[in-house]
Amino acid sequence: MKGIVSQSVKEVLQSLVDDGLVQADKIGSSNFFWSFPSQRGAMMQHRLTAVKESQASYRSQIKELHTAIEMETAARPGSTERNASLSRLSAAQKELEGLVTELAQYGACDPVKVEEKKRAVMLAKEAAVRWTDNYVLLLGHFTRQSCVEPSEIKKYLGVDDDYEDIC
């Protein structure tokens, strides 16, 4: 009557139920929807309490981590030997990063990749030989069984005259 589509009302109500702004219940064959202002306030209060509790737990974790860091730094006094070892470690890490970038630049000449490509080429060649052998065997079988010229079978299969057998 008023130009409101009932399906759009259902969609709006469903979105409000999904957002938790409206409650829904089915009683018998009827669906009832309701919303109380105090319920929204209680939900927000519950959410605020949960956030405050998680904030307190995170702050306590941060304090524990700070104390653990202080304890570990106190347990490892800064000696000249330790400082020298740390400097050697950082130098070795920088050298490793440099070598990794250099290895990445030589990626095409990487022995592992070259070996993988060799294996892939060998497998491809074996597959090509196998398929050409199968083709030759089937061609021979058809020519013997049906007494048809091989050129006619090649023409029917769409095989060009420049086909070469891989040896």
C-alpha atoms as a PDB file:
ATOM      1  CA  MET A   1       0.000   0.000   0.000  1.00  0.00           C
ATOM      2  CA  LYS A   2       2.681   2.478   1.016  1.00  0.00           C
ATOM      3  CA  GLY A   3       5.317   1.249  -1.435  1.00  0.00           C
ATOM      4  CA  ILE A   4       7.400  -0.666   1.111  1.00  0.00           C
ATOM      5  CA  VAL A   5       8.570  -4.056  -0.053  1.00  0.00           C
ATOM      6  CA  SER A   6       8.181  -6.721   2.627  1.00  0.00           C
ATOM      7  CA  GLN A   7      11.465  -8.358   1.629  1.00  0.00           C
ATOM      8  CA  SER A   8      13.375  -5.151   2.386  1.00  0.00           C
ATOM      9  CA  VAL A   9      11.797  -5.033   5.859  1.00  0.00           C
ATOM     10  CA  LYS A  10      12.919  -8.614   6.449  1.00  0.00           C
ATOM     11  CA  GLU A  11      16.452  -7.768   5.302  1.00  0.00           C
ATOM     12  CA  VAL A  12      16.665  -4.707   7.569  1.00  0.00           C
ATOM     13  CA  LEU A  13      15.351  -6.667  10.548  1.00  0.00           C
ATOM     14  CA  GLN A  14      17.817  -9.501   9.882  1.00  0.00           C
ATOM     15  CA  SER A  15      20.731  -7.055   9.698  1.00  0.00           C
ATOM     16  CA  LEU A  16      19.640  -5.468  13.010  1.00  0.00           C
ATOM     17  CA  VAL A  17      19.420  -8.931  14.600  1.00  0.00           C
ATOM     18  CA  ASP A  18      22.880  -9.810  13.220  1.00  0.00           C
ATOM     19  CA  ASP A  19      24.319  -6.578  14.667  1.00  0.00           C
ATOM     20  CA  GLY A  20      22.758  -7.351  18.058  1.00  0.00           C
ATOM     21  CA  LEU A  21      20.618  -4.209  18.098  1.00  0.00           C
ATOM     22  CA  VAL A  22      17.319  -6.113  17.972  1.00  0.00           C
ATOM     23  CA  GLN A  23      16.391  -9.401  19.607  1.00  0.00           C
ATOM     24  CA  ALA A  24      14.293 -12.003  17.797  1.00  0.00           C
ATOM     25  CA  ASP A  25      12.338 -15.027  18.919  1.00  0.00           C
ATOM     26  CA  LYS A  26       9.941 -17.406  17.251  1.00  0.00           C
ATOM     27  CA  ILE A  27       6.824 -18.156  19.225  1.00  0.00           C
ATOM     28  CA  GLY A  28       4.587 -20.651  17.522  1.00  0.00           C
ATOM     29  CA  SER A  29       4.365 -19.637  13.901  1.00  0.00           C
ATOM     30  CA  SER A  30       5.071 -15.937  14.575  1.00  0.00           C
ATOM     31  CA  ASN A  31       8.373 -14.110  14.749  1.00  0.00           C
ATOM     32  CA  PHE A  32       8.701 -11.419  17.408  1.00  0.00           C
ATOM     33  CA  PHE A  33      11.329  -8.668  17.394  1.00  0.00           C
ATOM     34  CA  TRP A  34      12.113  -6.320  20.276  1.00  0.00           C
ATOM     35  CA  SER A  35      14.744  -3.963  21.580  1.00  0.00           C
ATOM     36  CA  PHE A  36      15.107  -2.401  25.021  1.00  0.00           C
ATOM     37  CA  PRO A  37      17.254   0.715  25.548  1.00  0.00           C
ATOM     38  CA  SER A  38      18.657  -0.694  28.794  1.00  0.00           C
ATOM     39  CA  GLN A  39      19.714  -3.865  27.008  1.00  0.00           C
ATOM     40  CA  ARG A  40      21.937  -1.890  24.633  1.00  0.00           C
ATOM     41  CA  GLY A  41      23.463  -0.035  27.587  1.00  0.00           C
ATOM     42  CA  ALA A  42      24.091  -3.289  29.435  1.00  0.00           C
ATOM     43  CA  MET A  43      25.740  -4.766  26.341  1.00  0.00           C
ATOM     44  CA  MET A  44      28.025  -1.743  25.983  1.00  0.00           C
ATOM     45  CA  GLN A  45      28.856  -1.869  29.716  1.00  0.00           C
ATOM     46  CA  HIS A  46      29.755  -5.568  29.412  1.00  0.00           C
ATOM     47  CA  ARG A  47      31.963  -4.817  26.417  1.00  0.00           C
ATOM     48  CA  LEU A  48      33.680  -1.982  28.290  1.00  0.00           C
ATOM     49  CA  THR A  49      34.334  -4.260  31.267  1.00  0.00           C
ATOM     50  CA  ALA A  50      35.822  -6.950  29.021  1.00  0.00           C
ATOM     51  CA  VAL A  51      38.110  -4.419  27.328  1.00  0.00           C
ATOM     52  CA  LYS A  52      39.279  -3.040  30.689  1.00  0.00           C
ATOM     53  CA  GLU A  53      40.047  -6.571  31.915  1.00  0.00           C
ATOM     54  CA  SER A  54      42.055  -7.376  28.805  1.00  0.00           C
ATOM     55  CA  GLN A  55      43.885  -4.052  29.113  1.00  0.00           C
ATOM     56  CA  ALA A  56      44.818  -4.868  32.701  1.00  0.00           C
ATOM     57  CA  SER A  57      46.061  -8.323  31.725  1.00  0.00           C
ATOM     58  CA  TYR A  58      48.124  -6.868  28.868  1.00  0.00           C
ATOM     59  CA  ARG A  59      49.656  -4.281  31.182  1.00  0.00           C
ATOM     60  CA  SER A  60      50.589  -6.988  33.669  1.00  0.00           C
ATOM     61  CA  GLN A  61      52.175  -8.995  30.836  1.00  0.00           C
ATOM     62  CA  ILE A  62      54.168  -5.931  29.784  1.00  0.00           C
ATOM     63  CA  LYS A  63      55.417  -5.459  33.360  1.00  0.00           C
ATOM     64  CA  GLU A  64      56.404  -9.131  33.547  1.00  0.00           C
ATOM     65  CA  LEU A  65      58.277  -8.855  30.266  1.00  0.00           C
ATOM     66  CA  HIS A  66      60.102  -5.727  31.411  1.00  0.00           C
ATOM     67  CA  THR A  67      61.196  -7.453  34.621  1.00  0.00           C
ATOM     68  CA  ALA A  68      62.305 -10.515  32.634  1.00  0.00           C
ATOM     69  CA  ILE A  69      64.347  -8.280  30.335  1.00  0.00           C
ATOM     70  CA  GLU A  70      65.957  -6.571  33.297  1.00  0.00           C
ATOM     71  CA  MET A  71      66.761  -9.921  34.910  1.00  0.00           C
ATOM     72  CA  GLU A  72      68.324 -11.248  31.691  1.00  0.00           C
ATOM     73  CA  THR A  73      70.416  -8.133  31.155  1.00  0.00           C
ATOM     74  CA  ALA A  74      71.584  -8.338  34.757  1.00  0.00           C
ATOM     75  CA  ALA A  75      72.468 -12.018  34.307  1.00  0.00           C
ATOM     76  CA  ARG A  76      74.593 -11.174  31.270  1.00  0.00           C
ATOM     77  CA  PRO A  77      77.019  -8.506  32.293  1.00  0.00           C
ATOM     78  CA  GLY A  78      78.670  -6.590  29.481  1.00  0.00           C
ATOM     79  CA  SER A  79      82.180  -7.973  29.280  1.00  0.00           C
ATOM     80  CA  THR A  80      84.696  -7.269  26.559  1.00  0.00           C
ATOM     81  CA  GLU A  81      84.596 -10.906  25.456  1.00  0.00           C
ATOM     82  CA  ARG A  82      80.791 -10.810  25.138  1.00  0.00           C
ATOM     83  CA  ASN A  83      80.893  -7.532  23.252  1.00  0.00           C
ATOM     84  CA  ALA A  84      83.516  -8.929  20.878  1.00  0.00           C
ATOM     85  CA  SER A  85      81.389 -12.047  20.309  1.00  0.00           C
ATOM     86  CA  LEU A  86      78.316  -9.940  19.625  1.00  0.00           C
ATOM     87  CA  SER A  87      80.225  -7.787  17.145  1.00  0.00           C
ATOM     88  CA  ARG A  88      81.538 -10.924  15.375  1.00  0.00           C
ATOM     89  CA  LEU A  89      77.989 -12.290  15.282  1.00  0.00           C
ATOM     90  CA  SER A  90      76.608  -9.107  13.729  1.00  0.00           C
ATOM     91  CA  ALA A  91      79.466  -9.035  11.194  1.00  0.00           C
ATOM     92  CA  ALA A  92      78.809 -12.682  10.285  1.00  0.00           C
ATOM     93  CA  GLN A  93      75.093 -11.966   9.877  1.00  0.00           C
ATOM     94  CA  LYS A  94      75.833  -9.028   7.576  1.00  0.00           C
ATOM     95  CA  GLU A  95      78.217 -11.176   5.541  1.00  0.00           C
ATOM     96  CA  LEU A  96      75.574 -13.895   5.302  1.00  0.00           C
ATOM     97  CA  GLU A  97      73.007 -11.377   4.051  1.00  0.00           C
ATOM     98  CA  GLY A  98      75.502 -10.159   1.456  1.00  0.00           C
ATOM     99  CA  LEU A  99      76.217 -13.694   0.297  1.00  0.00           C
ATOM    100  CA  VAL A 100      72.522 -14.511   0.079  1.00  0.00           C
ATOM    101  CA  THR A 101      71.876 -11.452  -2.103  1.00  0.00           C
ATOM    102  CA  GLU A 102      74.876 -12.352  -4.266  1.00  0.00           C
ATOM    103  CA  LEU A 103      73.558 -15.910  -4.623  1.00  0.00           C
ATOM    104  CA  ALA A 104      70.171 -14.524  -5.628  1.00  0.00           C
ATOM    105  CA  GLN A 105      71.876 -12.516  -8.378  1.00  0.00           C
ATOM    106  CA  TYR A 106      73.420 -15.718  -9.722  1.00  0.00           C
ATOM    107  CA  GLY A 107      70.044 -17.473  -9.593  1.00  0.00           C
ATOM    108  CA  ALA A 108      70.171 -18.687 -13.175  1.00  0.00           C
ATOM    109  CA  CYS A 109      73.546 -20.331 -12.556  1.00  0.00           C
ATOM    110  CA  ASP A 110      72.531 -21.908  -9.268  1.00  0.00           C
ATOM    111  CA  PRO A 111      73.695 -25.559  -9.391  1.00  0.00           C
ATOM    112  CA  VAL A 112      70.508 -26.807  -7.781  1.00  0.00           C
ATOM    113  CA  LYS A 113      68.326 -24.996 -10.316  1.00  0.00           C
ATOM    114  CA  VAL A 114      70.505 -26.157 -13.206  1.00  0.00           C
ATOM    115  CA  GLU A 115      70.220 -29.756 -12.015  1.00  0.00           C
ATOM    116  CA  GLU A 116      66.428 -29.403 -11.689  1.00  0.00           C
ATOM    117  CA  LYS A 117      66.215 -28.049 -15.230  1.00  0.00           C
ATOM    118  CA  LYS A 118      68.354 -30.915 -16.530  1.00  0.00           C
ATOM    119  CA  ARG A 119      66.022 -33.415 -14.871  1.00  0.00           C
ATOM    120  CA  ALA A 120      62.971 -31.613 -16.259  1.00  0.00           C
ATOM    121  CA  VAL A 121      64.432 -31.633 -19.782  1.00  0.00           C
ATOM    122  CA  MET A 122      65.255 -35.320 -19.498  1.00  0.00           C
ATOM    123  CA  LEU A 123      61.729 -36.143 -18.301  1.00  0.00           C
ATOM    124  CA  ALA A 124      60.204 -34.053 -21.095  1.00  0.00           C
ATOM    125  CA  LYS A 125      62.351 -35.818 -23.690  1.00  0.00           C
ATOM    126  CA  GLU A 126      61.397 -39.236 -22.325  1.00  0.00           C
ATOM    127  CA  ALA A 127      57.729 -38.266 -22.457  1.00  0.00           C
ATOM    128  CA  ALA A 128      58.083 -37.006 -26.031  1.00  0.00           C
ATOM    129  CA  VAL A 129      59.820 -40.238 -27.081  1.00  0.00           C
ATOM    130  CA  ARG A 130      57.122 -42.286 -25.376  1.00  0.00           C
ATOM    131  CA  TRP A 131      54.321 -40.405 -27.152  1.00  0.00           C
ATOM    132  CA  THR A 132      55.975 -40.596 -30.540  1.00  0.00           C
ATOM    133  CA  ASP A 133      56.554 -44.331 -30.042  1.00  0.00           C
ATOM    134  CA  ASN A 134      52.889 -44.721 -29.145  1.00  0.00           C
ATOM    135  CA  TYR A 135      51.937 -42.739 -32.239  1.00  0.00           C
ATOM    136  CA  VAL A 136      54.122 -44.869 -34.503  1.00  0.00           C
ATOM    137  CA  LEU A 137      52.765 -48.099 -32.968  1.00  0.00           C
ATOM    138  CA  LEU A 138      49.145 -47.006 -33.350  1.00  0.00           C
ATOM    139  CA  LEU A 139      49.766 -45.807 -36.895  1.00  0.00           C
ATOM    140  CA  GLY A 140      51.264 -49.184 -37.777  1.00  0.00           C
ATOM    141  CA  HIS A 141      48.377 -51.008 -36.116  1.00  0.00           C
ATOM    142  CA  PHE A 142      45.744 -48.992 -37.989  1.00  0.00           C
ATOM    143  CA  THR A 143      47.491 -49.443 -41.326  1.00  0.00           C
ATOM    144  CA  ARG A 144      47.697 -53.233 -40.797  1.00  0.00           C
ATOM    145  CA  GLN A 145      44.129 -53.621 -39.521  1.00  0.00           C
ATOM    146  CA  SER A 146      42.287 -51.374 -41.940  1.00  0.00           C
ATOM    147  CA  CYS A 147      44.586 -51.563 -44.978  1.00  0.00           C
ATOM    148  CA  VAL A 148      44.599 -47.794 -45.224  1.00  0.00           C
ATOM    149  CA  GLU A 149      47.559 -45.724 -46.284  1.00  0.00           C
ATOM    150  CA  PRO A 150      49.433 -43.987 -43.435  1.00  0.00           C
ATOM    151  CA  SER A 151      49.085 -40.657 -45.236  1.00  0.00           C
ATOM    152  CA  GLU A 152      45.271 -40.927 -45.051  1.00  0.00           C
ATOM    153  CA  ILE A 153      45.390 -41.660 -41.310  1.00  0.00           C
ATOM    154  CA  LYS A 154      47.786 -38.734 -40.790  1.00  0.00           C
ATOM    155  CA  LYS A 155      45.447 -36.506 -42.793  1.00  0.00           C
ATOM    156  CA  TYR A 156      42.443 -37.677 -40.718  1.00  0.00           C
ATOM    157  CA  LEU A 157      44.313 -37.057 -37.428  1.00  0.00           C
ATOM    158  CA  GLY A 158      45.572 -33.670 -38.595  1.00  0.00           C
ATOM    159  CA  VAL A 159      49.260 -34.591 -38.521  1.00  0.00           C
ATOM    160  CA  ASP A 160      51.325 -32.424 -40.870  1.00  0.00           C
ATOM    161  CA  ASP A 161      53.788 -33.784 -43.391  1.00  0.00           C
ATOM    162  CA  ASP A 162      56.669 -32.112 -41.548  1.00  0.00           C
ATOM    163  CA  TYR A 163      56.197 -34.448 -38.542  1.00  0.00           C
ATOM    164  CA  GLU A 164      59.487 -35.951 -37.378  1.00  0.00           C
ATOM    165  CA  ASP A 165      60.001 -38.997 -35.204  1.00  0.00           C
ATOM    166  CA  ILE A 166      62.120 -38.270 -32.126  1.00  0.00           C
ATOM    167  CA  CYS A 167      64.933 -40.742 -31.744  1.00  0.00           C
END
